[in-house]
Amino acid sequence: MSTTSPLVASGSWFKSQSRRILFLSGSCTYHSQKRRLSCQIAALSILPALEMSSYATALKSVDYEIFGEVQGVFFRKYTEEQARKLGLVGWVKNTARGTVTGQVQGSVENVNFMMNWLKSVGSPMSRIDKAQFSDEREISKLDFNNFSTRY
């Protein structure tokens, strides 16, 4: 015998071992003969799993400069893409010194994730020698509406 019940209310977070999923709706079916629970959800957003903290609603801003082989390797493109995936705002641009600089703003946990990404991942063809972060601070509101590449 199978029974179906609502999973959770709309817009709730479900956390698996490796991903945190924000979903709109879902349902679970318990298959008593197979002793198995199967769930179907409609995913809205999937992010890497991060520990939920009291900073979930706090906003953070940080300026950055990335040194190494970061120009001519699509670093700005990948930075913009990663920031948008995380729901962050700000900007990125190449400098005359051969570095990439910018500012990122958003939730504390997502900005921290982005800072780690900037210093250790970057674009597939890049070589990151050093990442400098400055003017790291908590903010009350975002200064930008989106994340963009500046020229």
N, C-alpha and C. Protein backbone atom coordinates (compact mmCIF):
# COMPACT_ATOMS: atom_id res chain seq x y z
N MET A 1 0.84 -1.18 0.00
CA MET A 1 0.00 0.00 0.00
C MET A 1 0.88 1.24 0.00
N SER A 2 0.48 2.25 -0.76
CA SER A 2 1.22 3.50 -0.84
C SER A 2 0.38 4.65 -0.35
N THR A 3 1.00 5.55 0.38
CA THR A 3 0.30 6.75 0.83
C THR A 3 1.14 7.96 0.44
N THR A 4 0.46 9.04 0.07
CA THR A 4 1.14 10.25 -0.34
C THR A 4 0.78 11.37 0.62
N SER A 5 1.77 12.16 1.00
CA SER A 5 1.53 13.30 1.87
C SER A 5 2.39 14.47 1.44
N PRO A 6 1.95 15.70 1.75
CA PRO A 6 2.78 16.86 1.39
C PRO A 6 4.11 16.80 2.12
N LEU A 7 5.16 17.24 1.45
CA LEU A 7 6.49 17.21 2.04
C LEU A 7 6.69 18.39 2.97
N VAL A 8 6.59 19.59 2.47
CA VAL A 8 6.71 20.80 3.28
C VAL A 8 5.99 21.94 2.59
N ALA A 9 5.90 23.05 3.29
CA ALA A 9 5.24 24.22 2.73
C ALA A 9 6.09 24.84 1.62
N SER A 10 5.46 25.59 0.78
CA SER A 10 6.13 26.26 -0.33
C SER A 10 7.26 27.15 0.15
N GLY A 11 8.37 27.14 -0.60
CA GLY A 11 9.49 28.02 -0.29
C GLY A 11 10.34 27.58 0.88
N SER A 12 10.34 26.32 1.22
CA SER A 12 11.12 25.83 2.35
C SER A 12 12.47 25.30 1.89
N TRP A 13 13.40 25.19 2.84
CA TRP A 13 14.71 24.62 2.55
C TRP A 13 14.73 23.15 2.90
N PHE A 14 15.27 22.34 2.04
CA PHE A 14 15.51 20.93 2.30
C PHE A 14 17.01 20.74 2.17
N LYS A 15 17.66 20.14 3.13
CA LYS A 15 19.11 19.98 3.10
C LYS A 15 19.46 18.51 2.97
N SER A 16 20.14 18.18 1.88
CA SER A 16 20.66 16.83 1.71
C SER A 16 22.10 16.82 2.21
N GLN A 17 22.82 15.72 2.01
CA GLN A 17 24.19 15.64 2.49
C GLN A 17 25.10 16.63 1.80
N SER A 18 24.93 16.85 0.50
CA SER A 18 25.87 17.70 -0.22
C SER A 18 25.25 18.95 -0.83
N ARG A 19 23.96 19.08 -0.78
CA ARG A 19 23.31 20.23 -1.41
C ARG A 19 22.20 20.77 -0.51
N ARG A 20 21.95 22.05 -0.66
CA ARG A 20 20.84 22.67 0.02
C ARG A 20 19.88 23.10 -1.08
N ILE A 21 18.62 22.70 -1.01
CA ILE A 21 17.69 22.91 -2.10
C ILE A 21 16.51 23.72 -1.60
N LEU A 22 16.23 24.82 -2.30
CA LEU A 22 15.03 25.60 -2.03
C LEU A 22 14.00 25.12 -3.03
N PHE A 23 12.85 24.67 -2.55
CA PHE A 23 11.89 24.15 -3.49
C PHE A 23 10.51 24.74 -3.29
N LEU A 24 9.74 24.68 -4.35
CA LEU A 24 8.40 25.25 -4.35
C LEU A 24 7.38 24.31 -3.72
N SER A 25 7.44 23.06 -4.11
CA SER A 25 6.45 22.11 -3.59
C SER A 25 6.99 20.71 -3.74
N GLY A 26 6.32 19.78 -3.09
CA GLY A 26 6.76 18.40 -3.21
C GLY A 26 5.85 17.46 -2.45
N SER A 27 6.05 16.18 -2.66
CA SER A 27 5.28 15.18 -1.94
C SER A 27 6.12 13.93 -1.76
N CYS A 28 5.79 13.17 -0.73
CA CYS A 28 6.48 11.91 -0.46
C CYS A 28 5.47 10.78 -0.51
N THR A 29 5.90 9.65 -1.01
CA THR A 29 5.06 8.46 -1.04
C THR A 29 5.78 7.35 -0.30
N TYR A 30 5.08 6.74 0.68
CA TYR A 30 5.65 5.63 1.42
C TYR A 30 5.12 4.33 0.83
N HIS A 31 6.04 3.49 0.37
CA HIS A 31 5.69 2.19 -0.20
C HIS A 31 5.89 1.15 0.90
N SER A 32 4.81 0.78 1.58
CA SER A 32 4.93 -0.10 2.75
C SER A 32 5.44 -1.49 2.40
N GLN A 33 5.08 -2.03 1.25
CA GLN A 33 5.55 -3.37 0.90
C GLN A 33 7.06 -3.37 0.66
N LYS A 34 7.59 -2.29 0.10
CA LYS A 34 9.02 -2.20 -0.17
C LYS A 34 9.76 -1.49 0.96
N ARG A 35 9.01 -0.98 1.93
CA ARG A 35 9.58 -0.21 3.04
C ARG A 35 10.51 0.89 2.51
N ARG A 36 9.95 1.66 1.59
CA ARG A 36 10.74 2.70 0.95
C ARG A 36 9.94 3.99 0.87
N LEU A 37 10.61 5.08 1.07
CA LEU A 37 10.00 6.40 0.97
C LEU A 37 10.60 7.09 -0.25
N SER A 38 9.75 7.50 -1.16
CA SER A 38 10.25 8.25 -2.31
C SER A 38 9.63 9.64 -2.30
N CYS A 39 10.43 10.62 -2.65
CA CYS A 39 9.97 12.00 -2.63
C CYS A 39 10.22 12.64 -3.98
N GLN A 40 9.30 13.49 -4.37
CA GLN A 40 9.46 14.28 -5.58
C GLN A 40 9.31 15.73 -5.18
N ILE A 41 10.25 16.55 -5.66
CA ILE A 41 10.17 17.97 -5.36
C ILE A 41 10.40 18.76 -6.63
N ALA A 42 9.87 19.97 -6.65
CA ALA A 42 10.11 20.90 -7.75
C ALA A 42 11.15 21.89 -7.24
N ALA A 43 12.38 21.76 -7.72
CA ALA A 43 13.47 22.60 -7.23
C ALA A 43 13.39 23.99 -7.82
N LEU A 44 13.63 24.99 -6.97
CA LEU A 44 13.72 26.38 -7.40
C LEU A 44 15.17 26.81 -7.47
N SER A 45 15.95 26.40 -6.49
CA SER A 45 17.35 26.82 -6.43
C SER A 45 18.16 25.75 -5.73
N ILE A 46 19.32 25.42 -6.28
CA ILE A 46 20.19 24.43 -5.66
C ILE A 46 21.53 25.10 -5.40
N LEU A 47 21.98 25.08 -4.15
CA LEU A 47 23.25 25.68 -3.75
C LEU A 47 24.10 24.65 -3.03
N PRO A 48 25.42 24.83 -3.04
CA PRO A 48 26.25 23.93 -2.23
C PRO A 48 25.83 23.99 -0.78
N ALA A 49 25.92 22.88 -0.09
CA ALA A 49 25.50 22.84 1.31
C ALA A 49 26.40 23.72 2.15
N LEU A 50 25.80 24.58 2.91
CA LEU A 50 26.51 25.45 3.85
C LEU A 50 25.76 25.37 5.16
N GLU A 51 26.46 25.44 6.23
CA GLU A 51 25.81 25.38 7.53
C GLU A 51 24.95 26.62 7.72
N MET A 52 23.72 26.42 8.13
CA MET A 52 22.83 27.54 8.43
C MET A 52 23.33 28.19 9.71
N SER A 53 23.30 29.50 9.75
CA SER A 53 23.80 30.19 10.92
C SER A 53 22.90 31.36 11.24
N SER A 54 23.21 32.03 12.33
CA SER A 54 22.45 33.20 12.72
C SER A 54 22.71 34.35 11.77
N TYR A 55 23.71 34.21 10.89
CA TYR A 55 24.02 35.25 9.93
C TYR A 55 23.23 35.11 8.64
N ALA A 56 22.26 34.20 8.61
CA ALA A 56 21.54 33.91 7.38
C ALA A 56 20.90 35.15 6.77
N THR A 57 20.47 36.11 7.58
CA THR A 57 19.84 37.30 7.04
C THR A 57 20.78 38.50 7.04
N ALA A 58 21.95 38.38 7.64
CA ALA A 58 22.92 39.48 7.65
C ALA A 58 23.54 39.64 6.27
N LEU A 59 23.86 40.88 5.92
CA LEU A 59 24.48 41.16 4.63
C LEU A 59 25.93 41.57 4.83
N LYS A 60 26.74 41.22 3.84
CA LYS A 60 28.17 41.48 3.92
C LYS A 60 28.64 42.05 2.58
N SER A 61 29.64 42.92 2.65
CA SER A 61 30.28 43.47 1.47
C SER A 61 31.79 43.29 1.60
N VAL A 62 32.45 42.98 0.50
CA VAL A 62 33.91 42.85 0.51
C VAL A 62 34.46 43.24 -0.86
N ASP A 63 35.59 43.94 -0.85
CA ASP A 63 36.33 44.26 -2.07
C ASP A 63 37.40 43.19 -2.25
N TYR A 64 37.77 42.89 -3.48
CA TYR A 64 38.77 41.86 -3.72
C TYR A 64 39.68 42.23 -4.88
N GLU A 65 40.88 41.67 -4.85
CA GLU A 65 41.80 41.74 -5.98
C GLU A 65 42.48 40.39 -6.08
N ILE A 66 42.47 39.82 -7.28
CA ILE A 66 43.00 38.49 -7.52
C ILE A 66 44.25 38.61 -8.40
N PHE A 67 45.34 38.00 -7.95
CA PHE A 67 46.62 38.05 -8.63
C PHE A 67 46.95 36.69 -9.23
N GLY A 68 47.67 36.69 -10.35
CA GLY A 68 48.07 35.45 -11.01
C GLY A 68 47.75 35.54 -12.48
N GLU A 69 47.53 34.41 -13.09
CA GLU A 69 47.12 34.39 -14.50
C GLU A 69 45.59 34.41 -14.51
N VAL A 70 45.05 35.63 -14.46
CA VAL A 70 43.61 35.80 -14.32
C VAL A 70 43.00 36.65 -15.42
N GLN A 71 43.82 37.17 -16.32
CA GLN A 71 43.30 37.90 -17.47
C GLN A 71 43.50 37.07 -18.72
N GLY A 72 42.51 37.12 -19.63
CA GLY A 72 42.60 36.33 -20.86
C GLY A 72 42.22 34.87 -20.65
N VAL A 73 41.65 34.55 -19.50
CA VAL A 73 41.24 33.17 -19.20
C VAL A 73 39.78 33.12 -18.74
N PHE A 74 39.01 34.11 -19.13
CA PHE A 74 37.57 34.19 -18.84
C PHE A 74 37.27 34.29 -17.34
N PHE A 75 38.22 34.81 -16.56
CA PHE A 75 38.03 34.91 -15.11
C PHE A 75 36.82 35.78 -14.77
N ARG A 76 36.67 36.92 -15.46
CA ARG A 76 35.53 37.80 -15.20
C ARG A 76 34.21 37.10 -15.49
N LYS A 77 34.15 36.40 -16.61
CA LYS A 77 32.93 35.69 -17.01
C LYS A 77 32.53 34.66 -15.95
N TYR A 78 33.49 33.85 -15.51
CA TYR A 78 33.19 32.83 -14.51
C TYR A 78 32.86 33.43 -13.16
N THR A 79 33.49 34.56 -12.83
CA THR A 79 33.20 35.24 -11.57
C THR A 79 31.76 35.75 -11.57
N GLU A 80 31.37 36.38 -12.66
CA GLU A 80 30.00 36.89 -12.78
C GLU A 80 28.99 35.73 -12.71
N GLU A 81 29.29 34.65 -13.39
CA GLU A 81 28.39 33.48 -13.38
C GLU A 81 28.26 32.90 -11.97
N GLN A 82 29.37 32.75 -11.27
CA GLN A 82 29.34 32.17 -9.92
C GLN A 82 28.59 33.10 -8.96
N ALA A 83 28.83 34.40 -9.06
CA ALA A 83 28.14 35.35 -8.19
C ALA A 83 26.63 35.30 -8.41
N ARG A 84 26.23 35.23 -9.64
CA ARG A 84 24.78 35.16 -9.93
C ARG A 84 24.16 33.87 -9.42
N LYS A 85 24.88 32.77 -9.54
CA LYS A 85 24.38 31.49 -9.01
C LYS A 85 24.13 31.59 -7.51
N LEU A 86 24.99 32.34 -6.82
CA LEU A 86 24.88 32.49 -5.37
C LEU A 86 23.94 33.61 -4.95
N GLY A 87 23.38 34.32 -5.92
CA GLY A 87 22.47 35.42 -5.61
C GLY A 87 23.18 36.66 -5.08
N LEU A 88 24.42 36.85 -5.49
CA LEU A 88 25.21 37.98 -5.02
C LEU A 88 25.15 39.13 -6.02
N VAL A 89 25.46 40.33 -5.54
CA VAL A 89 25.52 41.51 -6.40
C VAL A 89 26.90 42.13 -6.29
N GLY A 90 27.22 43.00 -7.25
CA GLY A 90 28.50 43.69 -7.23
C GLY A 90 29.06 43.81 -8.63
N TRP A 91 30.39 43.73 -8.75
CA TRP A 91 31.04 43.91 -10.04
C TRP A 91 32.42 43.26 -10.06
N VAL A 92 32.95 43.11 -11.28
CA VAL A 92 34.28 42.56 -11.51
C VAL A 92 34.88 43.28 -12.71
N LYS A 93 36.20 43.50 -12.71
CA LYS A 93 36.86 44.09 -13.88
C LYS A 93 38.34 43.76 -13.88
N ASN A 94 38.94 43.82 -15.08
CA ASN A 94 40.38 43.68 -15.23
C ASN A 94 41.04 45.01 -14.87
N THR A 95 42.27 44.94 -14.37
CA THR A 95 43.03 46.16 -14.08
C THR A 95 44.21 46.27 -15.03
N ALA A 96 44.82 47.43 -15.07
CA ALA A 96 46.02 47.65 -15.89
C ALA A 96 47.21 46.88 -15.33
N ARG A 97 47.15 46.46 -14.07
CA ARG A 97 48.23 45.70 -13.41
C ARG A 97 48.19 44.21 -13.74
N GLY A 98 47.19 43.77 -14.51
CA GLY A 98 47.08 42.35 -14.85
C GLY A 98 46.32 41.54 -13.82
N THR A 99 45.63 42.23 -12.89
CA THR A 99 44.84 41.56 -11.87
C THR A 99 43.36 41.69 -12.21
N VAL A 100 42.54 41.04 -11.43
CA VAL A 100 41.09 41.20 -11.51
C VAL A 100 40.64 41.74 -10.17
N THR A 101 39.81 42.78 -10.19
CA THR A 101 39.35 43.41 -8.96
C THR A 101 37.83 43.53 -9.00
N GLY A 102 37.23 43.75 -7.83
CA GLY A 102 35.79 43.91 -7.79
C GLY A 102 35.26 44.03 -6.39
N GLN A 103 33.96 43.99 -6.30
CA GLN A 103 33.26 44.03 -5.02
C GLN A 103 32.10 43.06 -5.10
N VAL A 104 31.85 42.38 -3.99
CA VAL A 104 30.74 41.44 -3.93
C VAL A 104 29.94 41.71 -2.66
N GLN A 105 28.61 41.62 -2.77
CA GLN A 105 27.72 41.85 -1.64
C GLN A 105 26.61 40.79 -1.65
N GLY A 106 26.15 40.46 -0.46
CA GLY A 106 25.05 39.51 -0.32
C GLY A 106 25.04 38.93 1.08
N SER A 107 24.41 37.77 1.23
CA SER A 107 24.35 37.13 2.54
C SER A 107 25.76 36.76 2.99
N VAL A 108 25.97 36.77 4.29
CA VAL A 108 27.29 36.48 4.85
C VAL A 108 27.80 35.13 4.36
N GLU A 109 26.97 34.09 4.42
CA GLU A 109 27.43 32.76 4.03
C GLU A 109 27.76 32.68 2.54
N ASN A 110 27.00 33.34 1.69
CA ASN A 110 27.28 33.27 0.25
C ASN A 110 28.49 34.13 -0.12
N VAL A 111 28.68 35.27 0.54
CA VAL A 111 29.89 36.07 0.30
C VAL A 111 31.12 35.29 0.74
N ASN A 112 31.04 34.64 1.89
CA ASN A 112 32.17 33.82 2.36
C ASN A 112 32.47 32.69 1.37
N PHE A 113 31.44 32.06 0.85
CA PHE A 113 31.62 31.00 -0.16
C PHE A 113 32.30 31.58 -1.40
N MET A 114 31.85 32.76 -1.83
CA MET A 114 32.43 33.40 -3.01
C MET A 114 33.89 33.78 -2.78
N MET A 115 34.22 34.26 -1.59
CA MET A 115 35.61 34.61 -1.27
C MET A 115 36.50 33.37 -1.41
N ASN A 116 36.03 32.25 -0.91
CA ASN A 116 36.79 31.00 -1.04
C ASN A 116 36.92 30.60 -2.50
N TRP A 117 35.85 30.75 -3.27
CA TRP A 117 35.87 30.42 -4.69
C TRP A 117 36.88 31.30 -5.42
N LEU A 118 36.90 32.61 -5.11
CA LEU A 118 37.82 33.54 -5.76
C LEU A 118 39.28 33.20 -5.48
N LYS A 119 39.58 32.76 -4.27
CA LYS A 119 40.99 32.49 -3.94
C LYS A 119 41.45 31.08 -4.29
N SER A 120 40.50 30.17 -4.58
CA SER A 120 40.94 28.79 -4.81
C SER A 120 40.42 28.14 -6.09
N VAL A 121 39.41 28.70 -6.75
CA VAL A 121 38.83 28.05 -7.92
C VAL A 121 39.00 28.91 -9.17
N GLY A 122 38.26 30.00 -9.26
CA GLY A 122 38.33 30.88 -10.43
C GLY A 122 37.88 30.20 -11.70
N SER A 123 38.40 30.67 -12.83
CA SER A 123 38.04 30.05 -14.11
C SER A 123 38.93 28.82 -14.34
N PRO A 124 38.47 27.89 -15.17
CA PRO A 124 39.22 26.65 -15.38
C PRO A 124 40.67 26.84 -15.85
N MET A 125 40.94 27.88 -16.62
CA MET A 125 42.28 28.09 -17.17
C MET A 125 43.13 29.05 -16.35
N SER A 126 42.58 29.57 -15.26
CA SER A 126 43.32 30.56 -14.47
C SER A 126 44.32 29.91 -13.53
N ARG A 127 45.28 30.73 -13.08
CA ARG A 127 46.20 30.34 -12.03
C ARG A 127 46.16 31.45 -10.99
N ILE A 128 45.66 31.14 -9.82
CA ILE A 128 45.50 32.14 -8.77
C ILE A 128 46.71 32.06 -7.85
N ASP A 129 47.48 33.15 -7.81
CA ASP A 129 48.64 33.22 -6.94
C ASP A 129 48.28 33.78 -5.56
N LYS A 130 47.38 34.76 -5.56
CA LYS A 130 47.03 35.42 -4.30
C LYS A 130 45.69 36.11 -4.46
N ALA A 131 44.92 36.12 -3.39
CA ALA A 131 43.66 36.87 -3.35
C ALA A 131 43.73 37.81 -2.15
N GLN A 132 43.50 39.09 -2.41
CA GLN A 132 43.48 40.08 -1.33
C GLN A 132 42.06 40.56 -1.14
N PHE A 133 41.60 40.55 0.10
CA PHE A 133 40.27 41.03 0.43
C PHE A 133 40.42 42.24 1.34
N SER A 134 39.61 43.28 1.09
CA SER A 134 39.68 44.48 1.90
C SER A 134 38.28 45.06 2.10
N ASP A 135 38.18 45.99 3.01
CA ASP A 135 36.92 46.66 3.33
C ASP A 135 35.79 45.66 3.56
N GLU A 136 36.10 44.59 4.26
CA GLU A 136 35.11 43.56 4.59
C GLU A 136 34.25 44.08 5.73
N ARG A 137 32.94 44.16 5.49
CA ARG A 137 32.06 44.76 6.49
C ARG A 137 30.63 44.26 6.37
N GLU A 138 29.89 44.36 7.46
CA GLU A 138 28.47 44.06 7.45
C GLU A 138 27.74 45.30 6.95
N ILE A 139 26.73 45.11 6.12
CA ILE A 139 25.96 46.23 5.56
C ILE A 139 24.48 46.02 5.86
N SER A 140 23.73 47.10 5.83
CA SER A 140 22.29 47.02 6.11
C SER A 140 21.47 46.83 4.84
N LYS A 141 22.01 47.26 3.69
CA LYS A 141 21.31 47.07 2.41
C LYS A 141 22.32 46.94 1.29
N LEU A 142 21.89 46.32 0.20
CA LEU A 142 22.77 46.12 -0.96
C LEU A 142 22.91 47.41 -1.75
N ASP A 143 24.10 47.67 -2.26
CA ASP A 143 24.36 48.87 -3.06
C ASP A 143 24.14 48.65 -4.55
N PHE A 144 23.94 47.41 -4.98
CA PHE A 144 23.79 47.08 -6.39
C PHE A 144 22.52 46.24 -6.57
N ASN A 145 22.01 46.22 -7.82
CA ASN A 145 20.84 45.41 -8.14
C ASN A 145 21.21 44.07 -8.76
N ASN A 146 22.43 43.94 -9.28
CA ASN A 146 22.86 42.71 -9.94
C ASN A 146 24.38 42.62 -9.88
N PHE A 147 24.92 41.62 -10.54
CA PHE A 147 26.37 41.48 -10.63
C PHE A 147 26.75 41.72 -12.08
N SER A 148 27.75 42.58 -12.32
CA SER A 148 28.10 42.93 -13.69
C SER A 148 29.61 42.99 -13.89
N THR A 149 29.99 42.95 -15.15
CA THR A 149 31.38 43.12 -15.53
C THR A 149 31.58 44.57 -15.93
N ARG A 150 32.59 45.20 -15.37
CA ARG A 150 32.94 46.58 -15.71
C ARG A 150 34.14 46.58 -16.65
N TYR A 151 34.20 47.62 -17.47
CA TYR A 151 35.29 47.74 -18.44
C TYR A 151 36.06 49.02 -18.23
